[in-house]
Amino acid sequence: MTPYRVFVEAGVFATLRGFKRSEQLQFIRLLDRLADDPYQEGDYAERDEIGRLIQVLVSRRHAVYFWADHAVKEVKILDLKPAGR
């Protein structure tokens, strides 16, 4: 299967600036895993304002909010928040 393209919301990059280098690399590895397996489910899911199912993947201290647009083979990273909030 061809990897999906991953798009990251601009605000997520602003959040990453405050991360340690090792945390930034961990986030990049997570993006690579999502591109290779866009069908994976998060630890839980929420509905957005239009009813779309948003997956939430908790990775150590952070939660990554994303959805896979299978029609165009893209994964959209919407938000990155501290886990537990």
PDB file of N, CA and C in Angstrom:
ATOM      1  N   MET A   1       0.833  -1.181   0.000  1.00  0.00           N
ATOM      2  CA  MET A   1       0.000   0.000   0.000  1.00  0.00           C
ATOM      3  C   MET A   1       0.880   1.247   0.000  1.00  0.00           C
ATOM      4  N   THR A   2       0.540   2.194  -0.821  1.00  0.00           N
ATOM      5  CA  THR A   2       1.256   3.457  -0.880  1.00  0.00           C
ATOM      6  C   THR A   2       0.966   4.270   0.372  1.00  0.00           C
ATOM      7  N   PRO A   3       2.006   4.814   1.025  1.00  0.00           N
ATOM      8  CA  PRO A   3       1.752   5.626   2.217  1.00  0.00           C
ATOM      9  C   PRO A   3       0.874   6.837   1.884  1.00  0.00           C
ATOM     10  N   TYR A   4       0.059   7.195   2.839  1.00  0.00           N
ATOM     11  CA  TYR A   4      -0.750   8.395   2.697  1.00  0.00           C
ATOM     12  C   TYR A   4       0.117   9.628   2.939  1.00  0.00           C
ATOM     13  N   ARG A   5      -0.315  10.750   2.406  1.00  0.00           N
ATOM     14  CA  ARG A   5       0.336  12.018   2.734  1.00  0.00           C
ATOM     15  C   ARG A   5      -0.225  12.495   4.062  1.00  0.00           C
ATOM     16  N   VAL A   6       0.607  13.150   4.853  1.00  0.00           N
ATOM     17  CA  VAL A   6       0.188  13.651   6.157  1.00  0.00           C
ATOM     18  C   VAL A   6       0.237  15.169   6.128  1.00  0.00           C
ATOM     19  N   PHE A   7      -0.882  15.771   6.534  1.00  0.00           N
ATOM     20  CA  PHE A   7      -0.967  17.228   6.626  1.00  0.00           C
ATOM     21  C   PHE A   7      -1.126  17.610   8.091  1.00  0.00           C
ATOM     22  N   VAL A   8      -0.349  18.593   8.520  1.00  0.00           N
ATOM     23  CA  VAL A   8      -0.348  19.014   9.919  1.00  0.00           C
ATOM     24  C   VAL A   8      -0.844  20.451   9.995  1.00  0.00           C
ATOM     25  N   GLU A   9      -1.844  20.688  10.832  1.00  0.00           N
ATOM     26  CA  GLU A   9      -2.386  22.026  11.038  1.00  0.00           C
ATOM     27  C   GLU A   9      -1.270  22.930  11.560  1.00  0.00           C
ATOM     28  N   ALA A  10      -1.223  24.163  11.083  1.00  0.00           N
ATOM     29  CA  ALA A  10      -0.128  25.081  11.405  1.00  0.00           C
ATOM     30  C   ALA A  10       0.063  25.285  12.903  1.00  0.00           C
ATOM     31  N   GLY A  11      -1.005  25.323  13.665  1.00  0.00           N
ATOM     32  CA  GLY A  11      -0.894  25.523  15.106  1.00  0.00           C
ATOM     33  C   GLY A  11      -0.151  24.410  15.813  1.00  0.00           C
ATOM     34  N   VAL A  12      -0.190  23.218  15.240  1.00  0.00           N
ATOM     35  CA  VAL A  12       0.525  22.091  15.825  1.00  0.00           C
ATOM     36  C   VAL A  12       2.031  22.351  15.761  1.00  0.00           C
ATOM     37  N   PHE A  13       2.489  22.940  14.680  1.00  0.00           N
ATOM     38  CA  PHE A  13       3.922  23.249  14.570  1.00  0.00           C
ATOM     39  C   PHE A  13       4.357  24.254  15.634  1.00  0.00           C
ATOM     40  N   ALA A  14       3.506  25.205  15.936  1.00  0.00           N
ATOM     41  CA  ALA A  14       3.824  26.173  16.990  1.00  0.00           C
ATOM     42  C   ALA A  14       3.982  25.453  18.328  1.00  0.00           C
ATOM     43  N   THR A  15       3.130  24.474  18.582  1.00  0.00           N
ATOM     44  CA  THR A  15       3.223  23.686  19.813  1.00  0.00           C
ATOM     45  C   THR A  15       4.532  22.909  19.853  1.00  0.00           C
ATOM     46  N   LEU A  16       4.929  22.355  18.715  1.00  0.00           N
ATOM     47  CA  LEU A  16       6.147  21.539  18.657  1.00  0.00           C
ATOM     48  C   LEU A  16       7.413  22.333  18.953  1.00  0.00           C
ATOM     49  N   ARG A  17       7.380  23.634  18.717  1.00  0.00           N
ATOM     50  CA  ARG A  17       8.579  24.451  18.984  1.00  0.00           C
ATOM     51  C   ARG A  17       9.013  24.363  20.439  1.00  0.00           C
ATOM     52  N   GLY A  18       8.050  24.181  21.334  1.00  0.00           N
ATOM     53  CA  GLY A  18       8.377  24.094  22.756  1.00  0.00           C
ATOM     54  C   GLY A  18       8.806  22.713  23.208  1.00  0.00           C
ATOM     55  N   PHE A  19       8.789  21.747  22.329  1.00  0.00           N
ATOM     56  CA  PHE A  19       9.159  20.379  22.674  1.00  0.00           C
ATOM     57  C   PHE A  19      10.672  20.206  22.658  1.00  0.00           C
ATOM     58  N   LYS A  20      11.145  19.242  23.436  1.00  0.00           N
ATOM     59  CA  LYS A  20      12.542  18.819  23.350  1.00  0.00           C
ATOM     60  C   LYS A  20      12.739  18.143  21.999  1.00  0.00           C
ATOM     61  N   ARG A  21      13.959  18.106  21.552  1.00  0.00           N
ATOM     62  CA  ARG A  21      14.275  17.487  20.258  1.00  0.00           C
ATOM     63  C   ARG A  21      13.807  16.030  20.215  1.00  0.00           C
ATOM     64  N   SER A  22      13.997  15.309  21.298  1.00  0.00           N
ATOM     65  CA  SER A  22      13.584  13.900  21.326  1.00  0.00           C
ATOM     66  C   SER A  22      12.067  13.776  21.176  1.00  0.00           C
ATOM     67  N   GLU A  23      11.302  14.705  21.758  1.00  0.00           N
ATOM     68  CA  GLU A  23       9.844  14.678  21.625  1.00  0.00           C
ATOM     69  C   GLU A  23       9.426  15.018  20.196  1.00  0.00           C
ATOM     70  N   GLN A  24      10.146  15.937  19.560  1.00  0.00           N
ATOM     71  CA  GLN A  24       9.853  16.280  18.173  1.00  0.00           C
ATOM     72  C   GLN A  24      10.080  15.067  17.274  1.00  0.00           C
ATOM     73  N   LEU A  25      11.169  14.347  17.498  1.00  0.00           N
ATOM     74  CA  LEU A  25      11.460  13.154  16.700  1.00  0.00           C
ATOM     75  C   LEU A  25      10.420  12.068  16.934  1.00  0.00           C
ATOM     76  N   GLN A  26       9.954  11.936  18.171  1.00  0.00           N
ATOM     77  CA  GLN A  26       8.899  10.958  18.475  1.00  0.00           C
ATOM     78  C   GLN A  26       7.630  11.317  17.702  1.00  0.00           C
ATOM     79  N   PHE A  27       7.282  12.599  17.633  1.00  0.00           N
ATOM     80  CA  PHE A  27       6.104  13.045  16.892  1.00  0.00           C
ATOM     81  C   PHE A  27       6.258  12.724  15.404  1.00  0.00           C
ATOM     82  N   ILE A  28       7.435  12.941  14.856  1.00  0.00           N
ATOM     83  CA  ILE A  28       7.683  12.641  13.445  1.00  0.00           C
ATOM     84  C   ILE A  28       7.537  11.136  13.183  1.00  0.00           C
ATOM     85  N   ARG A  29       8.023  10.313  14.088  1.00  0.00           N
ATOM     86  CA  ARG A  29       7.854   8.859  13.941  1.00  0.00           C
ATOM     87  C   ARG A  29       6.381   8.477  13.973  1.00  0.00           C
ATOM     88  N   LEU A  30       5.611   9.147  14.822  1.00  0.00           N
ATOM     89  CA  LEU A  30       4.179   8.886  14.880  1.00  0.00           C
ATOM     90  C   LEU A  30       3.520   9.264  13.549  1.00  0.00           C
ATOM     91  N   LEU A  31       3.925  10.375  12.951  1.00  0.00           N
ATOM     92  CA  LEU A  31       3.392  10.772  11.642  1.00  0.00           C
ATOM     93  C   LEU A  31       3.722   9.722  10.590  1.00  0.00           C
ATOM     94  N   ASP A  32       4.937   9.190  10.630  1.00  0.00           N
ATOM     95  CA  ASP A  32       5.332   8.146   9.684  1.00  0.00           C
ATOM     96  C   ASP A  32       4.458   6.897   9.857  1.00  0.00           C
ATOM     97  N   ARG A  33       4.168   6.529  11.111  1.00  0.00           N
ATOM     98  CA  ARG A  33       3.315   5.361  11.364  1.00  0.00           C
ATOM     99  C   ARG A  33       1.900   5.593  10.832  1.00  0.00           C
ATOM    100  N   LEU A  34       1.380   6.803  11.011  1.00  0.00           N
ATOM    101  CA  LEU A  34       0.039   7.109  10.493  1.00  0.00           C
ATOM    102  C   LEU A  34       0.023   7.085   8.969  1.00  0.00           C
ATOM    103  N   ALA A  35       1.082   7.559   8.346  1.00  0.00           N
ATOM    104  CA  ALA A  35       1.158   7.529   6.882  1.00  0.00           C
ATOM    105  C   ALA A  35       1.201   6.095   6.379  1.00  0.00           C
ATOM    106  N   ASP A  36       1.910   5.228   7.080  1.00  0.00           N
ATOM    107  CA  ASP A  36       2.028   3.824   6.683  1.00  0.00           C
ATOM    108  C   ASP A  36       0.780   3.013   6.993  1.00  0.00           C
ATOM    109  N   ASP A  37       0.060   3.412   8.042  1.00  0.00           N
ATOM    110  CA  ASP A  37      -1.152   2.687   8.447  1.00  0.00           C
ATOM    111  C   ASP A  37      -2.251   3.685   8.818  1.00  0.00           C
ATOM    112  N   PRO A  38      -2.882   4.303   7.820  1.00  0.00           N
ATOM    113  CA  PRO A  38      -3.896   5.317   8.091  1.00  0.00           C
ATOM    114  C   PRO A  38      -5.202   4.750   8.642  1.00  0.00           C
ATOM    115  N   TYR A  39      -5.339   3.443   8.672  1.00  0.00           N
ATOM    116  CA  TYR A  39      -6.556   2.825   9.192  1.00  0.00           C
ATOM    117  C   TYR A  39      -6.497   2.572  10.693  1.00  0.00           C
ATOM    118  N   GLN A  40      -5.360   2.872  11.316  1.00  0.00           N
ATOM    119  CA  GLN A  40      -5.274   2.609  12.744  1.00  0.00           C
ATOM    120  C   GLN A  40      -6.207   3.536  13.521  1.00  0.00           C
ATOM    121  N   GLU A  41      -6.746   2.999  14.572  1.00  0.00           N
ATOM    122  CA  GLU A  41      -7.641   3.763  15.422  1.00  0.00           C
ATOM    123  C   GLU A  41      -6.860   4.370  16.566  1.00  0.00           C
ATOM    124  N   GLY A  42      -7.391   5.452  17.086  1.00  0.00           N
ATOM    125  CA  GLY A  42      -6.785   6.082  18.244  1.00  0.00           C
ATOM    126  C   GLY A  42      -7.155   5.354  19.517  1.00  0.00           C
ATOM    127  N   ASP A  43      -6.731   5.904  20.629  1.00  0.00           N
ATOM    128  CA  ASP A  43      -7.087   5.347  21.933  1.00  0.00           C
ATOM    129  C   ASP A  43      -8.553   5.630  22.251  1.00  0.00           C
ATOM    130  N   TYR A  44      -9.072   6.689  21.671  1.00  0.00           N
ATOM    131  CA  TYR A  44     -10.498   6.996  21.736  1.00  0.00           C
ATOM    132  C   TYR A  44     -10.827   7.913  20.570  1.00  0.00           C
ATOM    133  N   ALA A  45     -12.101   8.201  20.394  1.00  0.00           N
ATOM    134  CA  ALA A  45     -12.529   9.035  19.275  1.00  0.00           C
ATOM    135  C   ALA A  45     -13.554  10.051  19.755  1.00  0.00           C
ATOM    136  N   GLU A  46     -13.622  11.171  19.046  1.00  0.00           N
ATOM    137  CA  GLU A  46     -14.595  12.224  19.319  1.00  0.00           C
ATOM    138  C   GLU A  46     -15.206  12.642  17.987  1.00  0.00           C
ATOM    139  N   ARG A  47     -16.364  13.234  18.042  1.00  0.00           N
ATOM    140  CA  ARG A  47     -16.992  13.789  16.840  1.00  0.00           C
ATOM    141  C   ARG A  47     -16.686  15.277  16.761  1.00  0.00           C
ATOM    142  N   ASP A  48     -16.389  15.747  15.543  1.00  0.00           N
ATOM    143  CA  ASP A  48     -16.181  17.187  15.374  1.00  0.00           C
ATOM    144  C   ASP A  48     -17.525  17.867  15.122  1.00  0.00           C
ATOM    145  N   GLU A  49     -17.491  19.156  14.809  1.00  0.00           N
ATOM    146  CA  GLU A  49     -18.718  19.938  14.666  1.00  0.00           C
ATOM    147  C   GLU A  49     -19.602  19.501  13.497  1.00  0.00           C
ATOM    148  N   ILE A  50     -19.034  18.760  12.536  1.00  0.00           N
ATOM    149  CA  ILE A  50     -19.854  18.280  11.421  1.00  0.00           C
ATOM    150  C   ILE A  50     -20.154  16.786  11.538  1.00  0.00           C
ATOM    151  N   GLY A  51     -19.778  16.196  12.661  1.00  0.00           N
ATOM    152  CA  GLY A  51     -20.080  14.801  12.903  1.00  0.00           C
ATOM    153  C   GLY A  51     -19.017  13.813  12.455  1.00  0.00           C
ATOM    154  N   ARG A  52     -17.911  14.308  11.928  1.00  0.00           N
ATOM    155  CA  ARG A  52     -16.827  13.424  11.481  1.00  0.00           C
ATOM    156  C   ARG A  52     -16.139  12.819  12.702  1.00  0.00           C
ATOM    157  N   LEU A  53     -15.754  11.567  12.599  1.00  0.00           N
ATOM    158  CA  LEU A  53     -15.083  10.882  13.687  1.00  0.00           C
ATOM    159  C   LEU A  53     -13.595  11.260  13.697  1.00  0.00           C
ATOM    160  N   ILE A  54     -13.159  11.864  14.778  1.00  0.00           N
ATOM    161  CA  ILE A  54     -11.766  12.271  14.953  1.00  0.00           C
ATOM    162  C   ILE A  54     -11.114  11.288  15.924  1.00  0.00           C
ATOM    163  N   GLN A  55     -10.030  10.675  15.485  1.00  0.00           N
ATOM    164  CA  GLN A  55      -9.288   9.742  16.323  1.00  0.00           C
ATOM    165  C   GLN A  55      -8.346  10.530  17.232  1.00  0.00           C
ATOM    166  N   VAL A  56      -8.183  10.046  18.451  1.00  0.00           N
ATOM    167  CA  VAL A  56      -7.270  10.675  19.407  1.00  0.00           C
ATOM    168  C   VAL A  56      -6.293   9.603  19.858  1.00  0.00           C
ATOM    169  N   LEU A  57      -5.040   9.797  19.504  1.00  0.00           N
ATOM    170  CA  LEU A  57      -3.984   8.843  19.825  1.00  0.00           C
ATOM    171  C   LEU A  57      -3.114   9.446  20.921  1.00  0.00           C
ATOM    172  N   VAL A  58      -3.056   8.780  22.057  1.00  0.00           N
ATOM    173  CA  VAL A  58      -2.257   9.266  23.173  1.00  0.00           C
ATOM    174  C   VAL A  58      -0.873   8.654  23.068  1.00  0.00           C
ATOM    175  N   SER A  59       0.119   9.524  23.007  1.00  0.00           N
ATOM    176  CA  SER A  59       1.503   9.101  22.881  1.00  0.00           C
ATOM    177  C   SER A  59       2.307   9.748  24.004  1.00  0.00           C
ATOM    178  N   ARG A  60       2.576   8.971  25.015  1.00  0.00           N
ATOM    179  CA  ARG A  60       3.256   9.446  26.221  1.00  0.00           C
ATOM    180  C   ARG A  60       2.483  10.592  26.856  1.00  0.00           C
ATOM    181  N   ARG A  61       2.987  11.814  26.749  1.00  0.00           N
ATOM    182  CA  ARG A  61       2.361  12.940  27.447  1.00  0.00           C
ATOM    183  C   ARG A  61       1.432  13.761  26.572  1.00  0.00           C
ATOM    184  N   HIS A  62       1.253  13.372  25.307  1.00  0.00           N
ATOM    185  CA  HIS A  62       0.462  14.189  24.397  1.00  0.00           C
ATOM    186  C   HIS A  62      -0.609  13.377  23.679  1.00  0.00           C
ATOM    187  N   ALA A  63      -1.660  14.080  23.297  1.00  0.00           N
ATOM    188  CA  ALA A  63      -2.739  13.469  22.532  1.00  0.00           C
ATOM    189  C   ALA A  63      -2.754  14.108  21.146  1.00  0.00           C
ATOM    190  N   VAL A  64      -2.736  13.271  20.120  1.00  0.00           N
ATOM    191  CA  VAL A  64      -2.744  13.721  18.727  1.00  0.00           C
ATOM    192  C   VAL A  64      -4.140  13.477  18.157  1.00  0.00           C
ATOM    193  N   TYR A  65      -4.753  14.540  17.637  1.00  0.00           N
ATOM    194  CA  TYR A  65      -6.096  14.470  17.061  1.00  0.00           C
ATOM    195  C   TYR A  65      -5.952  14.412  15.539  1.00  0.00           C
ATOM    196  N   PHE A  66      -6.549  13.380  14.925  1.00  0.00           N
ATOM    197  CA  PHE A  66      -6.379  13.218  13.482  1.00  0.00           C
ATOM    198  C   PHE A  66      -7.568  12.506  12.873  1.00  0.00           C
ATOM    199  N   TRP A  67      -7.665  12.602  11.565  1.00  0.00           N
ATOM    200  CA  TRP A  67      -8.611  11.784  10.807  1.00  0.00           C
ATOM    201  C   TRP A  67      -7.985  11.457   9.471  1.00  0.00           C
ATOM    202  N   ALA A  68      -8.337  10.296   8.966  1.00  0.00           N
ATOM    203  CA  ALA A  68      -7.811   9.846   7.676  1.00  0.00           C
ATOM    204  C   ALA A  68      -8.876  10.085   6.606  1.00  0.00           C
ATOM    205  N   ASP A  69      -8.475  10.800   5.562  1.00  0.00           N
ATOM    206  CA  ASP A  69      -9.350  11.046   4.416  1.00  0.00           C
ATOM    207  C   ASP A  69      -8.969  10.027   3.353  1.00  0.00           C
ATOM    208  N   HIS A  70      -9.651   8.896   3.382  1.00  0.00           N
ATOM    209  CA  HIS A  70      -9.287   7.780   2.510  1.00  0.00           C
ATOM    210  C   HIS A  70      -9.565   8.079   1.038  1.00  0.00           C
ATOM    211  N   ALA A  71     -10.490   8.970   0.770  1.00  0.00           N
ATOM    212  CA  ALA A  71     -10.813   9.302  -0.624  1.00  0.00           C
ATOM    213  C   ALA A  71      -9.614   9.924  -1.343  1.00  0.00           C
ATOM    214  N   VAL A  72      -8.810  10.691  -0.615  1.00  0.00           N
ATOM    215  CA  VAL A  72      -7.650  11.351  -1.233  1.00  0.00           C
ATOM    216  C   VAL A  72      -6.317  10.848  -0.668  1.00  0.00           C
ATOM    217  N   LYS A  73      -6.383   9.794   0.160  1.00  0.00           N
ATOM    218  CA  LYS A  73      -5.191   9.179   0.749  1.00  0.00           C
ATOM    219  C   LYS A  73      -4.346  10.188   1.525  1.00  0.00           C
ATOM    220  N   GLU A  74      -5.005  10.835   2.488  1.00  0.00           N
ATOM    221  CA  GLU A  74      -4.336  11.810   3.343  1.00  0.00           C
ATOM    222  C   GLU A  74      -4.749  11.602   4.798  1.00  0.00           C
ATOM    223  N   VAL A  75      -3.811  11.873   5.684  1.00  0.00           N
ATOM    224  CA  VAL A  75      -4.097  11.908   7.115  1.00  0.00           C
ATOM    225  C   VAL A  75      -3.965  13.359   7.539  1.00  0.00           C
ATOM    226  N   LYS A  76      -4.984  13.865   8.221  1.00  0.00           N
ATOM    227  CA  LYS A  76      -5.006  15.259   8.667  1.00  0.00           C
ATOM    228  C   LYS A  76      -4.753  15.301  10.177  1.00  0.00           C
ATOM    229  N   ILE A  77      -3.679  15.949  10.573  1.00  0.00           N
ATOM    230  CA  ILE A  77      -3.380  16.145  11.988  1.00  0.00           C
ATOM    231  C   ILE A  77      -3.988  17.478  12.378  1.00  0.00           C
ATOM    232  N   LEU A  78      -4.968  17.441  13.278  1.00  0.00           N
ATOM    233  CA  LEU A  78      -5.734  18.628  13.615  1.00  0.00           C
ATOM    234  C   LEU A  78      -5.252  19.349  14.859  1.00  0.00           C
ATOM    235  N   ASP A  79      -4.774  18.591  15.841  1.00  0.00           N
ATOM    236  CA  ASP A  79      -4.403  19.216  17.096  1.00  0.00           C
ATOM    237  C   ASP A  79      -3.437  18.333  17.860  1.00  0.00           C
ATOM    238  N   LEU A  80      -2.727  18.951  18.773  1.00  0.00           N
ATOM    239  CA  LEU A  80      -1.791  18.263  19.654  1.00  0.00           C
ATOM    240  C   LEU A  80      -1.949  18.908  21.020  1.00  0.00           C
ATOM    241  N   LYS A  81      -2.409  18.125  21.987  1.00  0.00           N
ATOM    242  CA  LYS A  81      -2.684  18.662  23.328  1.00  0.00           C
ATOM    243  C   LYS A  81      -1.991  17.800  24.367  1.00  0.00           C
ATOM    244  N   PRO A  82      -1.761  18.383  25.544  1.00  0.00           N
ATOM    245  CA  PRO A  82      -1.264  17.542  26.629  1.00  0.00           C
ATOM    246  C   PRO A  82      -2.281  16.444  26.920  1.00  0.00           C
ATOM    247  N   ALA A  83      -1.823  15.239  27.159  1.00  0.00           N
ATOM    248  CA  ALA A  83      -2.727  14.116  27.450  1.00  0.00           C
ATOM    249  C   ALA A  83      -3.472  14.401  28.743  1.00  0.00           C
ATOM    250  N   GLY A  84      -4.716  13.974  28.763  1.00  0.00           N
ATOM    251  CA  GLY A  84      -5.515  14.142  29.965  1.00  0.00           C
ATOM    252  C   GLY A  84      -6.281  15.441  30.022  1.00  0.00           C
ATOM    253  N   ARG A  85      -6.237  16.237  28.930  1.00  0.00           N
ATOM    254  CA  ARG A  85      -6.979  17.506  28.909  1.00  0.00           C
ATOM    255  C   ARG A  85      -7.915  17.554  27.752  1.00  0.00           C
TER     256      ARG A  85
END
